[in-house]
């Protein structure tokens, strides 16, 4: 199940990256065409393109936040343990093992 989720999220991410690349290329193409037709100056075209690309970046960031939120919900619903939570448990177990060893060493001595 975990592998399926990983594959799903990778595909979703790659699709988002592909869409972003396509959007950039298309935006550049449209702006270049508008400049050629004389409907925009080179400076205006540059401003428009930067504005479109900035907006696209904002949307990608929003998508990543939503993706992260959904991932957290899925993990939570599956009762999976997060890596940082597991590390805390491992440290506690190691400390208990040390205490048990110290206690048994005292008993044997």
N, C-alpha and C. Protein backbone atom coordinates (compact mmCIF):
# COMPACT_ATOMS: atom_id res chain seq x y z
N UNK A 1 0.83 -1.20 0.00
CA UNK A 1 0.00 0.00 0.00
C UNK A 1 0.88 1.26 0.00
N UNK A 2 1.94 1.23 0.80
CA UNK A 2 2.83 2.39 0.90
C UNK A 2 3.47 2.69 -0.45
N UNK A 3 3.92 1.65 -1.17
CA UNK A 3 4.54 1.85 -2.48
C UNK A 3 3.56 2.46 -3.47
N UNK A 4 2.31 2.04 -3.39
CA UNK A 4 1.28 2.58 -4.29
C UNK A 4 1.11 4.08 -4.03
N UNK A 5 1.09 4.47 -2.77
CA UNK A 5 0.95 5.89 -2.43
C UNK A 5 2.15 6.69 -2.93
N UNK A 6 3.33 6.14 -2.75
CA UNK A 6 4.54 6.83 -3.20
C UNK A 6 4.50 7.02 -4.71
N UNK A 7 4.14 5.97 -5.43
CA UNK A 7 4.04 6.07 -6.90
C UNK A 7 2.99 7.11 -7.29
N UNK A 8 1.85 7.09 -6.61
CA UNK A 8 0.79 8.05 -6.90
C UNK A 8 1.26 9.48 -6.72
N UNK A 9 1.93 9.75 -5.60
CA UNK A 9 2.38 11.11 -5.33
C UNK A 9 3.50 11.53 -6.29
N UNK A 10 4.36 10.59 -6.67
CA UNK A 10 5.40 10.92 -7.65
C UNK A 10 4.76 11.30 -8.98
N UNK A 11 3.78 10.50 -9.40
CA UNK A 11 3.11 10.79 -10.67
C UNK A 11 2.43 12.15 -10.61
N UNK A 12 1.79 12.45 -9.50
CA UNK A 12 1.11 13.72 -9.33
C UNK A 12 2.12 14.87 -9.38
N UNK A 13 3.24 14.69 -8.72
CA UNK A 13 4.28 15.72 -8.72
C UNK A 13 4.85 15.92 -10.11
N UNK A 14 5.15 14.82 -10.80
CA UNK A 14 5.69 14.92 -12.15
C UNK A 14 4.69 15.59 -13.09
N UNK A 15 3.42 15.29 -12.92
CA UNK A 15 2.40 15.93 -13.74
C UNK A 15 2.38 17.43 -13.49
N UNK A 16 2.50 17.81 -12.23
CA UNK A 16 2.53 19.23 -11.88
C UNK A 16 3.74 19.93 -12.47
N UNK A 17 4.89 19.26 -12.42
CA UNK A 17 6.11 19.84 -13.00
C UNK A 17 5.97 19.96 -14.50
N UNK A 18 5.43 18.94 -15.14
CA UNK A 18 5.22 18.99 -16.58
C UNK A 18 4.28 20.11 -16.97
N UNK A 19 3.22 20.27 -16.21
CA UNK A 19 2.25 21.33 -16.47
C UNK A 19 2.91 22.69 -16.30
N UNK A 20 3.73 22.84 -15.26
CA UNK A 20 4.42 24.11 -15.04
C UNK A 20 5.36 24.43 -16.18
N UNK A 21 6.09 23.44 -16.67
CA UNK A 21 7.01 23.65 -17.78
C UNK A 21 6.25 24.03 -19.04
N UNK A 22 5.18 23.30 -19.28
CA UNK A 22 4.36 23.58 -20.46
C UNK A 22 3.77 24.98 -20.37
N UNK A 23 3.32 25.37 -19.20
CA UNK A 23 2.74 26.68 -19.00
C UNK A 23 3.78 27.77 -19.27
N UNK A 24 5.01 27.58 -18.80
CA UNK A 24 6.07 28.55 -19.03
C UNK A 24 6.35 28.69 -20.52
N UNK A 25 6.50 27.55 -21.18
CA UNK A 25 6.78 27.57 -22.62
C UNK A 25 5.64 28.23 -23.38
N UNK A 26 4.41 27.90 -23.03
CA UNK A 26 3.25 28.47 -23.70
C UNK A 26 3.17 29.97 -23.44
N UNK A 27 3.42 30.38 -22.21
CA UNK A 27 3.37 31.81 -21.88
C UNK A 27 4.43 32.57 -22.67
N UNK A 28 5.63 32.00 -22.75
CA UNK A 28 6.70 32.65 -23.52
C UNK A 28 6.31 32.76 -24.99
N UNK A 29 5.70 31.71 -25.49
CA UNK A 29 5.27 31.69 -26.90
C UNK A 29 4.22 32.77 -27.16
N UNK A 30 3.24 32.87 -26.29
CA UNK A 30 2.16 33.85 -26.45
C UNK A 30 2.72 35.26 -26.36
N UNK A 31 3.58 35.52 -25.37
CA UNK A 31 4.15 36.85 -25.21
C UNK A 31 5.00 37.21 -26.42
N UNK A 32 5.81 36.28 -26.90
CA UNK A 32 6.64 36.52 -28.08
C UNK A 32 5.78 36.88 -29.28
N UNK A 33 4.69 36.16 -29.44
CA UNK A 33 3.77 36.43 -30.55
C UNK A 33 3.14 37.81 -30.42
N UNK A 34 2.75 38.20 -29.21
CA UNK A 34 2.16 39.52 -29.00
C UNK A 34 3.17 40.63 -29.28
N UNK A 35 4.42 40.39 -28.92
CA UNK A 35 5.47 41.38 -29.21
C UNK A 35 5.66 41.50 -30.72
N UNK A 36 5.70 40.35 -31.41
CA UNK A 36 5.86 40.36 -32.87
C UNK A 36 4.73 41.12 -33.56
N UNK A 37 3.51 40.96 -33.05
CA UNK A 37 2.35 41.63 -33.63
C UNK A 37 2.30 43.11 -33.27
N UNK A 38 3.17 43.52 -32.34
CA UNK A 38 3.19 44.91 -31.92
C UNK A 38 2.15 45.25 -30.88
N UNK A 39 1.51 44.25 -30.31
CA UNK A 39 0.48 44.50 -29.29
C UNK A 39 1.11 44.74 -27.92
N UNK A 40 2.36 44.32 -27.76
CA UNK A 40 3.10 44.57 -26.52
C UNK A 40 4.51 45.01 -26.89
N UNK A 41 5.06 45.90 -26.05
CA UNK A 41 6.47 46.24 -26.24
C UNK A 41 7.29 45.13 -25.59
N UNK A 42 8.58 45.15 -25.84
CA UNK A 42 9.45 44.13 -25.25
C UNK A 42 9.42 44.22 -23.73
N UNK A 43 9.42 45.45 -23.19
CA UNK A 43 9.37 45.63 -21.73
C UNK A 43 8.04 45.15 -21.16
N UNK A 44 6.95 45.49 -21.85
CA UNK A 44 5.64 45.03 -21.39
C UNK A 44 5.56 43.50 -21.44
N UNK A 45 6.08 42.93 -22.51
CA UNK A 45 6.09 41.48 -22.63
C UNK A 45 6.85 40.82 -21.50
N UNK A 46 7.99 41.41 -21.18
CA UNK A 46 8.81 40.88 -20.07
C UNK A 46 8.04 40.96 -18.75
N UNK A 47 7.35 42.11 -18.53
CA UNK A 47 6.57 42.27 -17.30
C UNK A 47 5.42 41.27 -17.23
N UNK A 48 4.72 41.12 -18.36
CA UNK A 48 3.60 40.18 -18.41
C UNK A 48 4.10 38.76 -18.15
N UNK A 49 5.18 38.38 -18.80
CA UNK A 49 5.72 37.03 -18.63
C UNK A 49 6.13 36.79 -17.18
N UNK A 50 6.82 37.78 -16.59
CA UNK A 50 7.23 37.64 -15.18
C UNK A 50 6.02 37.51 -14.27
N UNK A 51 4.99 38.29 -14.56
CA UNK A 51 3.76 38.23 -13.77
C UNK A 51 3.11 36.85 -13.86
N UNK A 52 3.02 36.32 -15.08
CA UNK A 52 2.42 35.00 -15.29
C UNK A 52 3.25 33.92 -14.58
N UNK A 53 4.56 34.00 -14.72
CA UNK A 53 5.43 32.99 -14.10
C UNK A 53 5.38 33.08 -12.58
N UNK A 54 5.31 34.30 -12.04
CA UNK A 54 5.18 34.46 -10.59
C UNK A 54 3.87 33.84 -10.09
N UNK A 55 2.82 34.10 -10.83
CA UNK A 55 1.50 33.54 -10.46
C UNK A 55 1.53 32.00 -10.53
N UNK A 56 2.18 31.48 -11.57
CA UNK A 56 2.29 30.03 -11.70
C UNK A 56 3.07 29.44 -10.53
N UNK A 57 4.14 30.13 -10.10
CA UNK A 57 4.93 29.66 -8.95
C UNK A 57 4.08 29.67 -7.68
N UNK A 58 3.29 30.72 -7.50
CA UNK A 58 2.39 30.79 -6.34
C UNK A 58 1.42 29.61 -6.34
N UNK A 59 0.87 29.31 -7.51
CA UNK A 59 -0.07 28.20 -7.62
C UNK A 59 0.63 26.86 -7.34
N UNK A 60 1.86 26.69 -7.83
CA UNK A 60 2.61 25.46 -7.55
C UNK A 60 2.85 25.32 -6.05
N UNK A 61 3.19 26.45 -5.41
CA UNK A 61 3.42 26.41 -3.96
C UNK A 61 2.14 26.02 -3.23
N UNK A 62 1.01 26.57 -3.65
CA UNK A 62 -0.27 26.21 -3.03
C UNK A 62 -0.56 24.73 -3.23
N UNK A 63 -0.27 24.23 -4.45
CA UNK A 63 -0.50 22.83 -4.74
C UNK A 63 0.36 21.94 -3.85
N UNK A 64 1.61 22.34 -3.64
CA UNK A 64 2.50 21.54 -2.79
C UNK A 64 2.01 21.51 -1.35
N UNK A 65 1.50 22.64 -0.86
CA UNK A 65 0.96 22.69 0.49
C UNK A 65 -0.25 21.75 0.60
N UNK A 66 -1.14 21.82 -0.38
CA UNK A 66 -2.32 20.94 -0.37
C UNK A 66 -1.91 19.48 -0.47
N UNK A 67 -0.92 19.19 -1.28
CA UNK A 67 -0.42 17.83 -1.42
C UNK A 67 0.14 17.34 -0.09
N UNK A 68 0.89 18.19 0.58
CA UNK A 68 1.46 17.84 1.88
C UNK A 68 0.34 17.58 2.90
N UNK A 69 -0.67 18.44 2.89
CA UNK A 69 -1.80 18.25 3.81
C UNK A 69 -2.51 16.92 3.54
N UNK A 70 -2.75 16.62 2.27
CA UNK A 70 -3.41 15.36 1.92
C UNK A 70 -2.55 14.16 2.31
N UNK A 71 -1.26 14.28 2.11
CA UNK A 71 -0.35 13.20 2.49
C UNK A 71 -0.43 12.95 3.99
N UNK A 72 -0.42 14.03 4.75
CA UNK A 72 -0.53 13.91 6.22
C UNK A 72 -1.84 13.24 6.61
N UNK A 73 -2.94 13.60 5.94
CA UNK A 73 -4.23 12.99 6.25
C UNK A 73 -4.22 11.50 5.95
N UNK A 74 -3.64 11.14 4.81
CA UNK A 74 -3.58 9.73 4.43
C UNK A 74 -2.73 8.95 5.42
N UNK A 75 -1.58 9.48 5.77
CA UNK A 75 -0.70 8.80 6.72
C UNK A 75 -1.40 8.65 8.07
N UNK A 76 -2.06 9.72 8.48
CA UNK A 76 -2.78 9.69 9.76
C UNK A 76 -3.89 8.64 9.74
N UNK A 77 -4.61 8.56 8.64
CA UNK A 77 -5.73 7.61 8.56
C UNK A 77 -5.23 6.17 8.52
N UNK A 78 -3.99 5.98 8.11
CA UNK A 78 -3.43 4.62 8.03
C UNK A 78 -2.73 4.21 9.32
N UNK A 79 -2.75 5.07 10.31
CA UNK A 79 -2.09 4.82 11.59
C UNK A 79 -0.60 4.50 11.42
N UNK A 80 0.05 5.20 10.51
CA UNK A 80 1.49 5.04 10.33
C UNK A 80 2.22 5.99 11.27
N UNK A 81 3.41 5.60 11.66
CA UNK A 81 4.21 6.41 12.56
C UNK A 81 5.17 7.25 11.72
N UNK A 82 5.29 8.53 12.09
CA UNK A 82 6.23 9.40 11.39
C UNK A 82 7.65 9.07 11.83
N UNK A 83 8.59 9.37 10.97
CA UNK A 83 10.00 9.06 11.23
C UNK A 83 10.49 9.71 12.52
N UNK A 84 10.16 10.97 12.74
CA UNK A 84 10.63 11.65 13.96
C UNK A 84 10.03 11.03 15.22
N UNK A 85 8.78 10.57 15.12
CA UNK A 85 8.16 9.90 16.27
C UNK A 85 8.85 8.57 16.54
N UNK A 86 9.21 7.85 15.48
CA UNK A 86 9.91 6.58 15.63
C UNK A 86 11.28 6.78 16.25
N UNK A 87 11.96 7.85 15.86
CA UNK A 87 13.28 8.14 16.43
C UNK A 87 13.19 8.37 17.93
N UNK A 88 12.16 9.06 18.39
CA UNK A 88 11.96 9.29 19.82
C UNK A 88 11.80 7.96 20.55
N UNK A 89 10.99 7.08 19.97
CA UNK A 89 10.77 5.76 20.59
C UNK A 89 12.08 4.97 20.62
N UNK A 90 12.85 5.01 19.53
CA UNK A 90 14.13 4.31 19.49
C UNK A 90 15.07 4.79 20.58
N UNK A 91 15.12 6.10 20.78
CA UNK A 91 15.99 6.65 21.82
C UNK A 91 15.55 6.19 23.21
N UNK A 92 14.26 6.15 23.43
CA UNK A 92 13.74 5.70 24.72
C UNK A 92 14.07 4.22 24.95
N UNK A 93 13.93 3.40 23.91
CA UNK A 93 14.25 1.97 24.01
C UNK A 93 15.74 1.79 24.32
N UNK A 94 16.58 2.54 23.62
CA UNK A 94 18.03 2.46 23.86
C UNK A 94 18.36 2.83 25.30
N UNK A 95 17.72 3.87 25.81
CA UNK A 95 17.95 4.29 27.19
C UNK A 95 17.50 3.20 28.17
N UNK A 96 16.34 2.60 27.91
CA UNK A 96 15.86 1.51 28.76
C UNK A 96 16.80 0.31 28.71
N UNK A 97 17.32 -0.01 27.53
CA UNK A 97 18.27 -1.11 27.40
C UNK A 97 19.53 -0.85 28.23
N UNK A 98 20.01 0.38 28.21
CA UNK A 98 21.18 0.74 29.02
C UNK A 98 20.88 0.57 30.51
N UNK A 99 19.69 1.02 30.92
CA UNK A 99 19.32 0.91 32.32
C UNK A 99 19.20 -0.56 32.73
N UNK A 100 18.61 -1.39 31.88
CA UNK A 100 18.47 -2.82 32.18
C UNK A 100 19.84 -3.47 32.27
N UNK A 101 20.73 -3.14 31.35
CA UNK A 101 22.08 -3.70 31.35
C UNK A 101 22.80 -3.28 32.62
N UNK A 102 22.69 -2.01 32.97
CA UNK A 102 23.35 -1.52 34.20
C UNK A 102 22.79 -2.25 35.41
N UNK A 103 21.49 -2.46 35.43
CA UNK A 103 20.85 -3.14 36.57
C UNK A 103 21.32 -4.60 36.64
N UNK A 104 21.33 -5.30 35.51
CA UNK A 104 21.75 -6.71 35.51
C UNK A 104 23.24 -6.84 35.80
N UNK A 105 24.05 -5.88 35.37
CA UNK A 105 25.47 -5.91 35.70
C UNK A 105 25.68 -5.76 37.19
N UNK A 106 24.86 -4.90 37.84
CA UNK A 106 24.96 -4.73 39.29
C UNK A 106 24.58 -6.01 40.01
N UNK A 107 23.53 -6.68 39.53
CA UNK A 107 23.05 -7.93 40.16
C UNK A 107 24.12 -9.02 40.05
N UNK A 108 24.81 -9.08 38.91
CA UNK A 108 25.81 -10.13 38.69
C UNK A 108 27.08 -9.85 39.48
N UNK A 109 27.32 -8.60 39.82
CA UNK A 109 28.58 -8.26 40.53
C UNK A 109 28.48 -8.46 41.99
